[in-house]
Protein backbone atom coordinates (compact mmCIF):
# COMPACT_ATOMS: atom_id res chain seq x y z
CA UNK A 1 -4.94 -1.67 24.83
CA UNK A 2 -4.19 -3.10 21.37
CA UNK A 3 -3.45 -0.90 18.41
CA UNK A 4 -6.25 -0.43 15.91
CA UNK A 5 -5.39 -1.01 12.25
CA UNK A 6 -7.62 0.45 9.53
CA UNK A 7 -7.06 -0.94 6.04
CA UNK A 8 -7.59 1.90 3.53
CA UNK A 9 -6.80 -0.32 0.52
CA UNK A 10 -9.57 -2.05 -1.45
CA UNK A 11 -8.29 -5.58 -0.63
CA UNK A 12 -8.15 -7.85 2.40
CA UNK A 13 -4.66 -7.53 3.89
CA UNK A 14 -3.32 -11.06 4.58
CA UNK A 15 -0.46 -11.10 7.08
CA UNK A 16 1.62 -14.29 6.98
CA UNK A 17 4.01 -15.69 9.61
CA UNK A 18 7.62 -14.40 9.54
CA UNK A 19 8.89 -17.79 8.29
CA UNK A 20 6.45 -17.96 5.36
CA UNK A 21 8.22 -18.40 2.00
CA UNK A 22 8.18 -15.56 -0.55
CA UNK A 23 6.00 -17.65 -2.92
CA UNK A 24 3.28 -20.05 -1.86
CA UNK A 25 0.31 -21.92 -3.22
CA UNK A 26 -2.72 -19.97 -1.87
CA UNK A 27 -4.19 -21.83 1.09
CA UNK A 28 -0.97 -23.74 1.86
CA UNK A 29 0.01 -21.31 4.64
CA UNK A 30 -2.56 -19.79 7.00
CA UNK A 31 -2.26 -16.03 7.55
CA UNK A 32 -1.76 -14.95 11.16
CA UNK A 33 -4.18 -12.06 10.55
CA UNK A 34 -6.54 -10.81 7.85
CA UNK A 35 -7.43 -7.13 7.96
CA UNK A 36 -10.55 -6.37 5.91
CA UNK A 37 -10.78 -3.17 3.87
CA UNK A 38 -12.50 -0.16 5.38
CA UNK A 39 -15.79 0.95 3.79
CA UNK A 40 -15.38 2.40 0.28
CA UNK A 41 -15.93 5.97 1.45
CA UNK A 42 -12.84 5.72 3.68
CA UNK A 43 -10.42 4.47 1.00
CA UNK A 44 -7.29 6.52 0.39
CA UNK A 45 -6.53 6.52 -3.35
CA UNK A 46 -3.65 8.61 -4.65
CA UNK A 47 -4.69 11.98 -6.06
CA UNK A 48 -2.71 13.15 -9.07
CA UNK A 49 -2.76 15.74 -11.83
CA UNK A 50 -1.54 15.15 -15.36
CA UNK A 51 0.72 18.10 -16.15
CA UNK A 52 1.42 17.25 -19.78
CA UNK A 53 1.85 14.43 -22.25
CA UNK A 54 5.38 13.58 -23.43
CA UNK A 55 6.42 11.91 -26.67
CA UNK A 56 5.34 8.26 -26.57
CA UNK A 57 7.90 5.51 -26.17
CA UNK A 58 8.14 3.00 -28.98
CA UNK A 59 8.64 -0.57 -27.85
CA UNK A 60 8.19 -3.69 -29.92
CA UNK A 61 6.24 -1.74 -32.55
CA UNK A 62 3.81 -0.21 -30.02
CA UNK A 63 3.55 3.46 -29.05
CA UNK A 64 3.29 3.71 -25.25
CA UNK A 65 1.94 6.99 -23.82
CA UNK A 66 4.03 8.86 -21.25
CA UNK A 67 2.33 11.34 -18.91
CA UNK A 68 4.07 13.80 -16.61
CA UNK A 69 2.09 13.64 -13.37
CA UNK A 70 2.20 15.38 -10.03
CA UNK A 71 1.10 13.34 -7.01
CA UNK A 72 -0.79 15.13 -4.27
CA UNK A 73 -1.21 12.34 -1.76
CA UNK A 74 -4.74 11.41 -0.85
CA UNK A 75 -7.42 13.97 -0.11
CA UNK A 76 -9.43 11.25 1.64
CA UNK A 77 -6.74 10.29 4.19
CA UNK A 78 -8.14 10.43 7.73
CA UNK A 79 -6.31 12.62 10.25
CA UNK A 80 -3.93 10.88 12.68
CA UNK A 81 -5.55 9.34 15.78
CA UNK A 82 -3.76 8.03 18.87
CA UNK A 83 -3.45 4.24 18.74
CA UNK A 84 -4.66 4.01 15.12
CA UNK A 85 -2.58 2.84 12.17
CA UNK A 86 -3.70 3.18 8.55
CA UNK A 87 -2.70 0.64 5.87
CA UNK A 88 -2.22 2.39 2.52
CA UNK A 89 -0.59 1.72 -0.83
CA UNK A 90 3.10 2.58 -1.02
CA UNK A 91 2.49 5.50 -3.40
CA UNK A 92 0.07 7.05 -0.89
CA UNK A 93 2.61 6.71 1.95
CA UNK A 94 5.36 8.20 -0.23
CA UNK A 95 3.14 11.20 -0.98
CA UNK A 96 2.75 11.76 2.80
CA UNK A 97 6.32 11.41 4.17
CA UNK A 98 5.41 13.38 7.30
CA UNK A 99 2.75 10.86 8.40
CA UNK A 100 4.12 8.33 10.92
CA UNK A 101 0.82 6.44 11.20
CA UNK A 102 0.79 5.02 7.67
CA UNK A 103 1.65 1.36 7.16
CA UNK A 104 2.55 -0.25 3.84
CA UNK A 105 2.81 -3.96 3.07
CA UNK A 106 6.42 -5.16 3.43
CA UNK A 107 8.08 -8.51 2.80
CA UNK A 108 5.60 -9.50 0.12
CA UNK A 109 4.14 -12.99 -0.14
CA UNK A 110 3.22 -13.94 -3.71
CA UNK A 111 1.34 -16.81 -5.29
CA UNK A 112 3.21 -19.17 -7.63
CA UNK A 113 2.23 -16.94 -10.57
CA UNK A 114 3.96 -13.95 -8.94
CA UNK A 115 0.90 -11.93 -7.86
CA UNK A 116 1.05 -10.43 -4.39
CA UNK A 117 -1.38 -12.13 -2.00
CA UNK A 118 -0.16 -10.69 1.30
CA UNK A 119 2.87 -9.74 3.35
CA UNK A 120 4.88 -10.82 6.38
CA UNK A 121 5.23 -7.38 7.92
CA UNK A 122 4.36 -3.73 7.58
CA UNK A 123 6.74 -0.90 6.78
CA UNK A 124 6.61 2.75 7.80
CA UNK A 125 8.33 5.72 6.21
CA UNK A 126 11.87 6.46 7.35
CA UNK A 127 11.12 10.20 7.00
CA UNK A 128 9.90 12.36 9.82
CA UNK A 129 10.21 11.66 13.53
CA UNK A 130 9.60 8.50 15.48
CA UNK A 131 5.98 7.75 16.34
CA UNK A 132 5.39 7.69 20.03
């Protein structure tokens, strides 16, 4: 039986062939798979709390706010299920280092302007045990 992949990000996840260049003109290379996002109520945004506000940074004449935040992972993350992988943003995966069922986009594919449009592989956290 094939693995099931649930995309908990708000965007289609375009997976490109391993030999796809790092930057492409959109449409010039066909993805080998497109994983649509799960329904909005299943999304896994990062939960965080602002602890305090630091002195702003001054750069090029602008004052840039600096917040001290504590990340809590995602309160909406589904529990692990056998044979199911969940695609999440890197910050969500980093907030859940014990989860071995969380995939993050790896080997980014970008458009010619530098915006990420997909990936060539998925990554999983090196923390915790091996998923089996």
